[in-house]
C-alpha atoms as a PDB file:
ATOM      1  CA  MET A   1       0.029  -0.005   0.015  1.00  0.00           C
ATOM      2  CA  SER A   2       1.419   3.428  -0.920  1.00  0.00           C
ATOM      3  CA  ASN A   3       2.002   6.218   1.505  1.00  0.00           C
ATOM      4  CA  ALA A   4      -0.733   8.278  -0.277  1.00  0.00           C
ATOM      5  CA  THR A   5      -3.634   5.792   0.306  1.00  0.00           C
ATOM      6  CA  LEU A   6      -5.718   4.331   3.056  1.00  0.00           C
ATOM      7  CA  PRO A   7      -8.656   1.961   2.610  1.00  0.00           C
ATOM      8  CA  GLY A   8     -12.191   3.056   2.955  1.00  0.00           C
ATOM      9  CA  GLU A   9     -13.823   6.508   2.988  1.00  0.00           C
ATOM     10  CA  CYS A  10     -13.041   9.643   4.984  1.00  0.00           C
ATOM     11  CA  TRP A  11     -15.737  11.972   6.228  1.00  0.00           C
ATOM     12  CA  ALA A  12     -14.927  15.574   6.869  1.00  0.00           C
ATOM     13  CA  ILE A  13     -17.530  16.852   9.383  1.00  0.00           C
ATOM     14  CA  THR A  14     -18.000  20.517   9.997  1.00  0.00           C
ATOM     15  CA  ASP A  15     -20.515  23.237  10.709  1.00  0.00           C
ATOM     16  CA  HIS A  16     -21.037  26.158   8.255  1.00  0.00           C
ATOM     17  CA  ALA A  17     -17.950  28.127   9.327  1.00  0.00           C
ATOM     18  CA  ALA A  18     -15.584  28.509   6.367  1.00  0.00           C
ATOM     19  CA  GLY A  19     -12.504  28.257   8.469  1.00  0.00           C
ATOM     20  CA  ASN A  20     -13.603  24.949  10.010  1.00  0.00           C
ATOM     21  CA  GLN A  21     -14.464  23.558   6.612  1.00  0.00           C
ATOM     22  CA  ARG A  22     -11.181  24.650   5.145  1.00  0.00           C
ATOM     23  CA  GLN A  23      -9.084  22.851   7.793  1.00  0.00           C
ATOM     24  CA  ALA A  24     -11.034  19.622   7.792  1.00  0.00           C
ATOM     25  CA  LEU A  25     -11.109  19.271   4.057  1.00  0.00           C
ATOM     26  CA  ALA A  26      -7.374  20.303   3.652  1.00  0.00           C
ATOM     27  CA  LEU A  27      -6.434  17.383   5.911  1.00  0.00           C
ATOM     28  CA  ALA A  28      -8.900  14.942   4.506  1.00  0.00           C
ATOM     29  CA  GLU A  29      -7.830  15.447   1.018  1.00  0.00           C
ATOM     30  CA  ARG A  30      -4.169  14.956   1.946  1.00  0.00           C
ATOM     31  CA  LEU A  31      -4.924  11.473   3.092  1.00  0.00           C
ATOM     32  CA  GLY A  32      -5.632  10.250  -0.477  1.00  0.00           C
ATOM     33  CA  MET A  33      -9.000   8.769   0.330  1.00  0.00           C
ATOM     34  CA  PRO A  34     -12.480   9.323  -1.093  1.00  0.00           C
ATOM     35  CA  VAL A  35     -13.802  12.286   0.906  1.00  0.00           C
ATOM     36  CA  ARG A  36     -17.357  13.015   1.865  1.00  0.00           C
ATOM     37  CA  HIS A  37     -18.115  16.385   3.479  1.00  0.00           C
ATOM     38  CA  LEU A  38     -20.916  16.458   5.953  1.00  0.00           C
ATOM     39  CA  VAL A  39     -22.147  19.918   7.223  1.00  0.00           C
ATOM     40  CA  LEU A  40     -24.036  19.086  10.433  1.00  0.00           C
ATOM     41  CA  SER A  41     -25.934  21.341  12.684  1.00  0.00           C
ATOM     42  CA  PRO A  42     -26.952  19.824  16.099  1.00  0.00           C
ATOM     43  CA  ARG A  43     -30.121  21.045  17.641  1.00  0.00           C
ATOM     44  CA  ALA A  44     -30.559  22.280  21.208  1.00  0.00           C
ATOM     45  CA  PRO A  45     -29.811  21.070  23.756  1.00  0.00           C
ATOM     46  CA  TRP A  46     -26.893  19.169  22.156  1.00  0.00           C
ATOM     47  CA  SER A  47     -25.676  22.379  20.420  1.00  0.00           C
ATOM     48  CA  TRP A  48     -25.328  24.012  23.821  1.00  0.00           C
ATOM     49  CA  LEU A  49     -23.314  21.236  25.330  1.00  0.00           C
ATOM     50  CA  SER A  50     -21.359  19.746  22.357  1.00  0.00           C
ATOM     51  CA  PRO A  51     -19.219  17.641  22.495  1.00  0.00           C
ATOM     52  CA  ARG A  52     -20.704  16.394  25.781  1.00  0.00           C
ATOM     53  CA  MET A  53     -22.910  13.364  25.276  1.00  0.00           C
ATOM     54  CA  LEU A  54     -26.618  13.441  26.038  1.00  0.00           C
ATOM     55  CA  PRO A  55     -29.093  10.548  25.848  1.00  0.00           C
ATOM     56  CA  GLY A  56     -30.534  10.067  22.374  1.00  0.00           C
ATOM     57  CA  GLY A  57     -27.507  11.539  20.602  1.00  0.00           C
ATOM     58  CA  ARG A  58     -28.653  10.489  17.156  1.00  0.00           C
ATOM     59  CA  LEU A  59     -31.576  12.816  17.630  1.00  0.00           C
ATOM     60  CA  ALA A  60     -29.216  15.725  17.927  1.00  0.00           C
ATOM     61  CA  LEU A  61     -29.484  16.270  14.210  1.00  0.00           C
ATOM     62  CA  PRO A  62     -32.464  17.759  12.423  1.00  0.00           C
ATOM     63  CA  ARG A  63     -34.480  14.983  10.477  1.00  0.00           C
ATOM     64  CA  ALA A  64     -33.174  16.334   7.170  1.00  0.00           C
ATOM     65  CA  GLN A  65     -29.586  15.596   8.156  1.00  0.00           C
ATOM     66  CA  ARG A  66     -29.905  12.232   9.746  1.00  0.00           C
ATOM     67  CA  HIS A  67     -29.763  10.272   6.473  1.00  0.00           C
ATOM     68  CA  GLY A  68     -26.191  11.549   5.865  1.00  0.00           C
ATOM     69  CA  PHE A  69     -24.940  10.618   9.261  1.00  0.00           C
ATOM     70  CA  ALA A  70     -25.703   6.816   8.970  1.00  0.00           C
ATOM     71  CA  ALA A  71     -24.025   3.517   8.303  1.00  0.00           C
ATOM     72  CA  PRO A  72     -22.003   2.386   6.497  1.00  0.00           C
ATOM     73  CA  TRP A  73     -19.508   4.306   8.678  1.00  0.00           C
ATOM     74  CA  PRO A  74     -16.234   5.705   7.311  1.00  0.00           C
ATOM     75  CA  SER A  75     -12.744   4.402   7.973  1.00  0.00           C
ATOM     76  CA  VAL A  76     -11.657   7.901   9.112  1.00  0.00           C
ATOM     77  CA  ALA A  77     -13.689  10.841  10.267  1.00  0.00           C
ATOM     78  CA  ILE A  78     -12.136  14.285  10.588  1.00  0.00           C
ATOM     79  CA  GLY A  79     -14.114  16.999  12.459  1.00  0.00           C
ATOM     80  CA  CYS A  80     -13.290  20.650  13.029  1.00  0.00           C
ATOM     81  CA  GLY A  81     -15.083  22.880  15.438  1.00  0.00           C
ATOM     82  CA  ARG A  82     -17.116  22.234  18.687  1.00  0.00           C
ATOM     83  CA  SER A  83     -20.233  20.988  16.912  1.00  0.00           C
ATOM     84  CA  ALA A  84     -18.348  18.485  14.759  1.00  0.00           C
ATOM     85  CA  ALA A  85     -16.630  17.219  17.950  1.00  0.00           C
ATOM     86  CA  LEU A  86     -19.904  15.676  19.072  1.00  0.00           C
ATOM     87  CA  PHE A  87     -20.229  13.671  15.919  1.00  0.00           C
ATOM     88  CA  THR A  88     -16.631  12.447  15.687  1.00  0.00           C
ATOM     89  CA  ARG A  89     -16.873  11.421  19.305  1.00  0.00           C
ATOM     90  CA  MET A  90     -20.158   9.495  18.620  1.00  0.00           C
ATOM     91  CA  LEU A  91     -18.655   7.750  15.569  1.00  0.00           C
ATOM     92  CA  ARG A  92     -16.041   5.976  17.707  1.00  0.00           C
ATOM     93  CA  LYS A  93     -18.780   4.067  19.453  1.00  0.00           C
ATOM     94  CA  LEU A  94     -21.276   3.787  16.500  1.00  0.00           C
ATOM     95  CA  SER A  95     -18.546   2.236  14.286  1.00  0.00           C
ATOM     96  CA  GLY A  96     -17.382  -0.288  16.994  1.00  0.00           C
ATOM     97  CA  HIS A  97     -14.002   1.531  17.096  1.00  0.00           C
ATOM     98  CA  HIS A  98     -13.497   0.757  13.395  1.00  0.00           C
ATOM     99  CA  CYS A  99     -13.508   4.456  12.472  1.00  0.00           C
ATOM    100  CA  HIS A 100     -10.414   6.446  13.372  1.00  0.00           C
ATOM    101  CA  THR A 101     -11.798   9.657  14.871  1.00  0.00           C
ATOM    102  CA  VAL A 102      -9.870  12.896  14.470  1.00  0.00           C
ATOM    103  CA  GLN A 103     -10.822  16.188  15.976  1.00  0.00           C
ATOM    104  CA  ILE A 104      -9.221  19.487  14.879  1.00  0.00           C
ATOM    105  CA  LEU A 105      -8.972  22.239  17.478  1.00  0.00           C
ATOM    106  CA  ASP A 106      -9.276  21.830  21.281  1.00  0.00           C
ATOM    107  CA  PRO A 107     -12.559  19.991  21.923  1.00  0.00           C
ATOM    108  CA  ARG A 108     -12.532  21.239  25.549  1.00  0.00           C
ATOM    109  CA  LEU A 109     -12.797  17.684  26.769  1.00  0.00           C
ATOM    110  CA  ASP A 110     -10.231  14.887  27.502  1.00  0.00           C
ATOM    111  CA  PRO A 111      -8.541  14.106  24.146  1.00  0.00           C
ATOM    112  CA  ALA A 112      -8.793  10.391  24.998  1.00  0.00           C
ATOM    113  CA  TYR A 113     -12.401  10.560  23.725  1.00  0.00           C
ATOM    114  CA  TRP A 114     -10.980  10.730  20.198  1.00  0.00           C
ATOM    115  CA  ASP A 115      -8.283   8.647  18.415  1.00  0.00           C
ATOM    116  CA  THR A 116      -6.306  11.733  17.373  1.00  0.00           C
ATOM    117  CA  VAL A 117      -6.741  15.446  18.290  1.00  0.00           C
ATOM    118  CA  ILE A 118      -4.966  18.125  16.352  1.00  0.00           C
ATOM    119  CA  ALA A 119      -4.657  21.340  18.339  1.00  0.00           C
ATOM    120  CA  PRO A 120      -2.347  24.275  17.548  1.00  0.00           C
ATOM    121  CA  ARG A 121       0.486  24.828  20.031  1.00  0.00           C
ATOM    122  CA  HIS A 122      -1.029  28.032  21.359  1.00  0.00           C
ATOM    123  CA  ASP A 123      -4.020  25.962  22.676  1.00  0.00           C
ATOM    124  CA  ARG A 124      -1.524  24.348  25.138  1.00  0.00           C
ATOM    125  CA  LEU A 125      -3.269  20.977  24.747  1.00  0.00           C
ATOM    126  CA  THR A 126      -1.024  17.942  25.155  1.00  0.00           C
ATOM    127  CA  GLY A 127      -1.469  14.271  25.269  1.00  0.00           C
ATOM    128  CA  ALA A 128      -0.279  10.918  23.807  1.00  0.00           C
ATOM    129  CA  ASN A 129      -2.733  11.229  20.954  1.00  0.00           C
ATOM    130  CA  VAL A 130      -2.371  15.001  20.397  1.00  0.00           C
ATOM    131  CA  LEU A 131      -0.593  16.558  17.365  1.00  0.00           C
ATOM    132  CA  ASN A 132       0.388  20.249  17.700  1.00  0.00           C
ATOM    133  CA  PRO A 133       0.963  22.297  14.527  1.00  0.00           C
ATOM    134  CA  LEU A 134       2.104  25.856  14.831  1.00  0.00           C
ATOM    135  CA  GLY A 135      -0.865  27.211  12.937  1.00  0.00           C
ATOM    136  CA  SER A 136      -4.109  26.115  11.315  1.00  0.00           C
ATOM    137  CA  LEU A 137      -4.224  23.469   8.629  1.00  0.00           C
ATOM    138  CA  ASN A 138      -4.826  24.667   5.016  1.00  0.00           C
ATOM    139  CA  PRO A 139      -4.467  23.546   1.337  1.00  0.00           C
ATOM    140  CA  ILE A 140      -1.813  26.007   0.364  1.00  0.00           C
ATOM    141  CA  ASP A 141       1.253  24.630  -1.436  1.00  0.00           C
ATOM    142  CA  GLU A 142       2.997  25.530  -4.760  1.00  0.00           C
ATOM    143  CA  ALA A 143       0.298  23.827  -6.900  1.00  0.00           C
ATOM    144  CA  TRP A 144      -2.440  25.758  -5.144  1.00  0.00           C
ATOM    145  CA  LEU A 145      -0.671  29.032  -5.555  1.00  0.00           C
ATOM    146  CA  GLN A 146      -0.061  28.322  -9.275  1.00  0.00           C
ATOM    147  CA  ASP A 147      -3.787  27.529  -9.682  1.00  0.00           C
ATOM    148  CA  GLY A 148      -4.509  30.838  -8.090  1.00  0.00           C
ATOM    149  CA  ARG A 149      -2.279  32.666 -10.556  1.00  0.00           C
ATOM    150  CA  ASP A 150      -3.779  30.809 -13.498  1.00  0.00           C
ATOM    151  CA  ALA A 151      -7.264  31.574 -12.345  1.00  0.00           C
ATOM    152  CA  PHE A 152      -6.607  35.345 -11.933  1.00  0.00           C
ATOM    153  CA  PRO A 153      -3.978  36.306 -14.554  1.00  0.00           C
ATOM    154  CA  ALA A 154      -5.008  39.991 -14.610  1.00  0.00           C
ATOM    155  CA  LEU A 155      -3.656  40.359 -11.040  1.00  0.00           C
ATOM    156  CA  GLY A 156      -0.244  39.550 -12.391  1.00  0.00           C
ATOM    157  CA  LYS A 157      -0.356  42.539 -14.627  1.00  0.00           C
ATOM    158  CA  LEU A 158      -0.723  45.006 -11.810  1.00  0.00           C
ATOM    159  CA  PRO A 159       2.386  47.040 -10.891  1.00  0.00           C
ATOM    160  CA  GLY A 160       4.707  45.568  -8.362  1.00  0.00           C
ATOM    161  CA  PRO A 161       5.271  45.211  -5.649  1.00  0.00           C
ATOM    162  CA  ARG A 162       1.853  43.725  -5.205  1.00  0.00           C
ATOM    163  CA  VAL A 163       0.727  43.926  -1.638  1.00  0.00           C
ATOM    164  CA  GLY A 164      -2.201  41.689  -0.661  1.00  0.00           C
ATOM    165  CA  VAL A 165      -4.249  43.068   2.218  1.00  0.00           C
ATOM    166  CA  LEU A 166      -6.408  40.511   4.100  1.00  0.00           C
ATOM    167  CA  ILE A 167      -9.033  42.257   6.340  1.00  0.00           C
ATOM    168  CA  GLY A 168     -10.907  40.211   9.011  1.00  0.00           C
ATOM    169  CA  GLY A 169     -13.165  41.465  11.723  1.00  0.00           C
ATOM    170  CA  PRO A 170     -13.650  42.167  15.450  1.00  0.00           C
ATOM    171  CA  ARG A 171     -13.627  39.302  17.927  1.00  0.00           C
ATOM    172  CA  GLN A 172     -13.789  39.223  21.718  1.00  0.00           C
ATOM    173  CA  GLY A 173     -10.882  41.261  22.853  1.00  0.00           C
ATOM    174  CA  ILE A 174      -9.978  42.477  19.242  1.00  0.00           C
ATOM    175  CA  ARG A 175     -10.946  45.743  17.783  1.00  0.00           C
ATOM    176  CA  ILE A 176     -11.284  46.069  13.987  1.00  0.00           C
ATOM    177  CA  ASP A 177     -13.250  49.245  13.649  1.00  0.00           C
ATOM    178  CA  VAL A 178     -13.003  52.421  11.603  1.00  0.00           C
ATOM    179  CA  ASP A 179     -10.227  53.821  13.697  1.00  0.00           C
ATOM    180  CA  TYR A 180      -8.220  50.670  13.182  1.00  0.00           C
ATOM    181  CA  ALA A 181      -9.041  50.806   9.396  1.00  0.00           C
ATOM    182  CA  GLN A 182      -7.908  54.403   9.055  1.00  0.00           C
ATOM    183  CA  GLN A 183      -4.547  53.626  10.711  1.00  0.00           C
ATOM    184  CA  LEU A 184      -4.058  50.585   8.592  1.00  0.00           C
ATOM    185  CA  VAL A 185      -4.718  52.407   5.298  1.00  0.00           C
ATOM    186  CA  ALA A 186      -2.566  55.349   6.381  1.00  0.00           C
ATOM    187  CA  GLN A 187       0.363  52.967   6.713  1.00  0.00           C
ATOM    188  CA  LEU A 188      -0.468  51.159   3.524  1.00  0.00           C
ATOM    189  CA  LEU A 189      -0.712  54.397   1.493  1.00  0.00           C
ATOM    190  CA  GLN A 190       2.512  55.834   3.027  1.00  0.00           C
ATOM    191  CA  ARG A 191       4.483  52.898   1.828  1.00  0.00           C
ATOM    192  CA  GLN A 192       2.746  52.736  -1.487  1.00  0.00           C
ATOM    193  CA  ARG A 193       3.595  56.363  -2.184  1.00  0.00           C
ATOM    194  CA  SER A 194       7.255  55.724  -1.483  1.00  0.00           C
ATOM    195  CA  GLU A 195       7.751  52.333  -3.410  1.00  0.00           C
ATOM    196  CA  GLY A 196       4.879  52.390  -5.948  1.00  0.00           C
ATOM    197  CA  GLY A 197       3.166  49.095  -6.671  1.00  0.00           C
ATOM    198  CA  SER A 198      -0.429  48.035  -6.069  1.00  0.00           C
ATOM    199  CA  LEU A 199      -2.744  47.095  -3.221  1.00  0.00           C
ATOM    200  CA  LEU A 200      -4.941  44.088  -3.603  1.00  0.00           C
ATOM    201  CA  ALA A 201      -7.453  44.339  -0.686  1.00  0.00           C
ATOM    202  CA  LEU A 202     -10.111  41.686   0.364  1.00  0.00           C
ATOM    203  CA  VAL A 203     -12.500  41.679   3.248  1.00  0.00           C
ATOM    204  CA  SER A 204     -14.127  38.784   5.018  1.00  0.00           C
ATOM    205  CA  ARG A 205     -17.657  37.908   6.044  1.00  0.00           C
ATOM    206  CA  ARG A 206     -16.756  39.343   9.588  1.00  0.00           C
ATOM    207  CA  THR A 207     -15.613  42.774   8.348  1.00  0.00           C
ATOM    208  CA  PRO A 208     -17.959  45.537   9.559  1.00  0.00           C
ATOM    209  CA  ALA A 209     -19.604  47.605   6.770  1.00  0.00           C
ATOM    210  CA  ALA A 210     -18.115  50.837   8.133  1.00  0.00           C
ATOM    211  CA  VAL A 211     -14.657  49.274   7.844  1.00  0.00           C
ATOM    212  CA  ILE A 212     -15.287  48.079   4.300  1.00  0.00           C
ATOM    213  CA  ASP A 213     -16.391  51.596   3.244  1.00  0.00           C
ATOM    214  CA  THR A 214     -13.366  53.229   4.963  1.00  0.00           C
ATOM    215  CA  VAL A 215     -10.830  50.984   3.288  1.00  0.00           C
ATOM    216  CA  HIS A 216     -12.609  51.125  -0.094  1.00  0.00           C
ATOM    217  CA  ASN A 217     -12.679  54.887  -0.096  1.00  0.00           C
ATOM    218  CA  ALA A 218      -9.179  55.262   0.974  1.00  0.00           C
ATOM    219  CA  LEU A 219      -7.835  52.925  -1.711  1.00  0.00           C
ATOM    220  CA  ARG A 220     -10.137  54.027  -4.589  1.00  0.00           C
ATOM    221  CA  ASP A 221      -7.432  55.966  -6.520  1.00  0.00           C
ATOM    222  CA  VAL A 222      -4.522  53.479  -5.798  1.00  0.00           C
ATOM    223  CA  PRO A 223      -3.498  50.856  -8.438  1.00  0.00           C
ATOM    224  CA  GLY A 224      -4.900  47.396  -7.485  1.00  0.00           C
ATOM    225  CA  MET A 225      -8.244  45.882  -6.628  1.00  0.00           C
ATOM    226  CA  PHE A 226     -10.838  45.769  -3.878  1.00  0.00           C
ATOM    227  CA  TRP A 227     -13.130  42.853  -3.291  1.00  0.00           C
ATOM    228  CA  ALA A 228     -15.905  43.102  -0.732  1.00  0.00           C
ATOM    229  CA  GLY A 229     -18.154  40.153  -1.695  1.00  0.00           C
ATOM    230  CA  PRO A 230     -19.895  38.275  -4.504  1.00  0.00           C
ATOM    231  CA  ASP A 231     -21.203  41.486  -6.037  1.00  0.00           C
ATOM    232  CA  ASP A 232     -17.583  42.233  -7.031  1.00  0.00           C
ATOM    233  CA  GLY A 233     -17.173  38.938  -8.878  1.00  0.00           C
ATOM    234  CA  SER A 234     -15.526  35.709  -7.996  1.00  0.00           C
ATOM    235  CA  ASN A 235     -13.469  35.757  -4.854  1.00  0.00           C
ATOM    236  CA  PRO A 236      -9.823  36.485  -6.013  1.00  0.00           C
ATOM    237  CA  TYR A 237      -8.241  35.174  -2.662  1.00  0.00           C
ATOM    238  CA  PRO A 238      -6.259  32.445  -4.400  1.00  0.00           C
ATOM    239  CA  GLY A 239      -5.028  34.868  -6.997  1.00  0.00           C
ATOM    240  CA  VAL A 240      -4.064  37.508  -4.412  1.00  0.00           C
ATOM    241  CA  LEU A 241      -1.989  34.953  -2.461  1.00  0.00           C
ATOM    242  CA  GLY A 242      -0.642  33.541  -5.654  1.00  0.00           C
ATOM    243  CA  TRP A 243       0.620  36.985  -7.032  1.00  0.00           C
ATOM    244  CA  ALA A 244       1.432  38.779  -3.815  1.00  0.00           C
ATOM    245  CA  ASP A 245       4.924  40.099  -3.214  1.00  0.00           C
ATOM    246  CA  ARG A 246       3.942  40.947   0.360  1.00  0.00           C
ATOM    247  CA  LEU A 247       0.959  40.324   2.545  1.00  0.00           C
ATOM    248  CA  VAL A 248      -0.625  42.472   5.188  1.00  0.00           C
ATOM    249  CA  VAL A 249      -3.043  40.684   7.426  1.00  0.00           C
ATOM    250  CA  THR A 250      -5.176  41.990  10.320  1.00  0.00           C
ATOM    251  CA  PRO A 251      -4.262  40.219  13.525  1.00  0.00           C
ATOM    252  CA  ASP A 252      -7.640  38.654  14.419  1.00  0.00           C
ATOM    253  CA  SER A 253      -7.628  35.379  12.482  1.00  0.00           C
ATOM    254  CA  VAL A 254      -5.334  32.349  13.068  1.00  0.00           C
ATOM    255  CA  ASN A 255      -6.564  30.865   9.759  1.00  0.00           C
ATOM    256  CA  MET A 256      -5.792  34.001   7.729  1.00  0.00           C
ATOM    257  CA  LEU A 257      -2.378  34.465   9.283  1.00  0.00           C
ATOM    258  CA  SER A 258      -1.563  30.735   8.820  1.00  0.00           C
ATOM    259  CA  GLU A 259      -2.482  30.822   5.186  1.00  0.00           C
ATOM    260  CA  ALA A 260      -0.581  34.069   4.572  1.00  0.00           C
ATOM    261  CA  CYS A 261       2.527  32.533   6.094  1.00  0.00           C
ATOM    262  CA  ALA A 262       2.117  29.473   3.862  1.00  0.00           C
ATOM    263  CA  VAL A 263       2.797  31.583   0.809  1.00  0.00           C
ATOM    264  CA  GLY A 264       6.478  32.273   1.229  1.00  0.00           C
ATOM    265  CA  CYS A 265       6.484  36.083   0.914  1.00  0.00           C
ATOM    266  CA  ALA A 266       6.839  38.553   3.769  1.00  0.00           C
ATOM    267  CA  VAL A 267       3.786  38.760   6.043  1.00  0.00           C
ATOM    268  CA  GLN A 268       3.097  41.843   8.101  1.00  0.00           C
ATOM    269  CA  THR A 269       0.281  42.814  10.569  1.00  0.00           C
ATOM    270  CA  LEU A 270      -0.821  45.912  12.477  1.00  0.00           C
ATOM    271  CA  VAL A 271      -1.460  45.346  16.169  1.00  0.00           C
ATOM    272  CA  LEU A 272      -2.828  48.448  17.997  1.00  0.00           C
ATOM    273  CA  ASP A 273      -4.097  46.834  21.344  1.00  0.00           C
ATOM    274  CA  PRO A 274      -2.980  43.930  23.473  1.00  0.00           C
ATOM    275  CA  LEU A 275      -4.169  40.660  22.038  1.00  0.00           C
ATOM    276  CA  PRO A 276      -6.065  37.997  23.962  1.00  0.00           C
ATOM    277  CA  ASP A 277      -3.600  35.626  25.620  1.00  0.00           C
ATOM    278  CA  LYS A 278      -4.164  32.689  23.233  1.00  0.00           C
ATOM    279  CA  LEU A 279      -3.843  34.744  20.138  1.00  0.00           C
ATOM    280  CA  ALA A 280      -0.917  36.722  21.577  1.00  0.00           C
ATOM    281  CA  ARG A 281       0.943  33.361  21.970  1.00  0.00           C
ATOM    282  CA  PHE A 282       0.307  32.464  18.372  1.00  0.00           C
ATOM    283  CA  HIS A 283       1.588  35.853  17.154  1.00  0.00           C
ATOM    284  CA  GLN A 284       4.655  35.513  19.311  1.00  0.00           C
ATOM    285  CA  SER A 285       5.420  32.054  17.903  1.00  0.00           C
ATOM    286  CA  LEU A 286       5.136  33.333  14.384  1.00  0.00           C
ATOM    287  CA  ARG A 287       7.377  36.296  15.127  1.00  0.00           C
ATOM    288  CA  GLU A 288       9.924  33.968  16.788  1.00  0.00           C
ATOM    289  CA  ALA A 289       9.951  31.771  13.708  1.00  0.00           C
ATOM    290  CA  GLY A 290      10.556  34.840  11.502  1.00  0.00           C
ATOM    291  CA  LEU A 291       7.180  34.473   9.889  1.00  0.00           C
ATOM    292  CA  LEU A 292       5.298  37.580  10.952  1.00  0.00           C
ATOM    293  CA  HIS A 293       6.514  41.213  11.150  1.00  0.00           C
ATOM    294  CA  GLY A 294       5.174  44.608  12.046  1.00  0.00           C
ATOM    295  CA  MET A 295       4.296  47.026   9.319  1.00  0.00           C
ATOM    296  CA  ASP A 296       6.990  49.361  10.527  1.00  0.00           C
ATOM    297  CA  SER A 297       9.763  46.778  10.405  1.00  0.00           C
ATOM    298  CA  ASP A 298      12.175  45.522   7.754  1.00  0.00           C
ATOM    299  CA  SER A 299      10.988  42.156   6.530  1.00  0.00           C
ATOM    300  CA  PRO A 300      12.592  39.751   3.996  1.00  0.00           C
ATOM    301  CA  ALA A 301      11.279  39.613   0.466  1.00  0.00           C
ATOM    302  CA  HIS A 302      10.981  35.835   0.884  1.00  0.00           C
ATOM    303  CA  GLN A 303      10.713  33.573   3.861  1.00  0.00           C
ATOM    304  CA  THR A 304      10.366  29.738   4.413  1.00  0.00           C
ATOM    305  CA  PRO A 305       6.615  29.082   4.010  1.00  0.00           C
ATOM    306  CA  LEU A 306       4.725  27.594   6.961  1.00  0.00           C
ATOM    307  CA  ARG A 307       3.195  24.386   5.407  1.00  0.00           C
ATOM    308  CA  GLU A 308       2.195  21.873   7.994  1.00  0.00           C
ATOM    309  CA  THR A 309      -0.732  20.055   6.508  1.00  0.00           C
ATOM    310  CA  ALA A 310       1.275  17.421   4.660  1.00  0.00           C
ATOM    311  CA  GLY A 311       3.362  16.633   7.704  1.00  0.00           C
ATOM    312  CA  ILE A 312       0.292  16.357   9.959  1.00  0.00           C
ATOM    313  CA  ALA A 313      -1.380  14.049   7.300  1.00  0.00           C
ATOM    314  CA  ASP A 314       1.718  11.832   7.251  1.00  0.00           C
ATOM    315  CA  ALA A 315       1.704  11.642  11.122  1.00  0.00           C
ATOM    316  CA  LEU A 316      -2.050  10.849  11.030  1.00  0.00           C
ATOM    317  CA  ARG A 317      -1.600   8.231   8.380  1.00  0.00           C
ATOM    318  CA  LYS A 318       1.045   6.457  10.498  1.00  0.00           C
ATOM    319  CA  ARG A 319      -1.240   6.548  13.620  1.00  0.00           C
ATOM    320  CA  ILE A 320      -4.078   5.040  11.627  1.00  0.00           C
ATOM    321  CA  ARG A 321      -1.933   2.204  10.262  1.00  0.00           C
ATOM    322  CA  ALA A 322      -0.502   1.431  13.734  1.00  0.00           C
ATOM    323  CA  VAL A 323      -3.953   0.698  15.176  1.00  0.00           C
END
């Protein structure tokens, strides 16, 4: 049997969160198995307590979703997020321990309830069955970046240096508001005036409307592009990462920062306030590894990309075969 294949089917189980889907699918596809993606939404009270077990766990799903979560069970199930953790935990028993259950992100319960738990180092979760990447899992490698360039060739014709700007949104303890946006664009414009080039800015679903307007208005006369949603056409995110000479990322998202650091160009961020402890630990780890820089610091044109998904998939494959 080759290193790339395992017998049976792999289920990737997530909620509707794009970041959770991205991690589960990136890992599942690296295993070289047929992949089935289940988007499951537990009902109350299971949704309140997930992944803690309650009687009648199969009833946690709305009737319309129950047909998908049914035998024959997969050989491997990979969940990401708290809701998915309920179903990966249930699969261990439902399959008679014939399904290797994997949970991405700290499930907030003893990792021993799953066969493998994958939690980033800043979660500080350890155990005999716990794998600890530095950042979040993602599909980005050279082939993915080339596909992005091929899909959005017009971005490659913009003047260099091409600076990708990835804008997230506020979270508990993190301020991404109009004041933050004004300070961010002021620094972007100051450097663009001195070195030329173009600014390729994208917002996320979490970006407040006032922040979108502030950034859009400020960059209106600068070479580049601005994408705020489907009304602006197809999401050019793969093209922006593929063509970027430098990336500027707001500090709020582990997923966005991890994916930016997977590209191999310099990655910068603007932090105006103290970050929550867990996120601060992640930022510090990236800085210590030479992967993340402040906007006012000198940063290398190229850096070793942070690409951990293939290594985690190899470690998981070995664990599955060892059982």
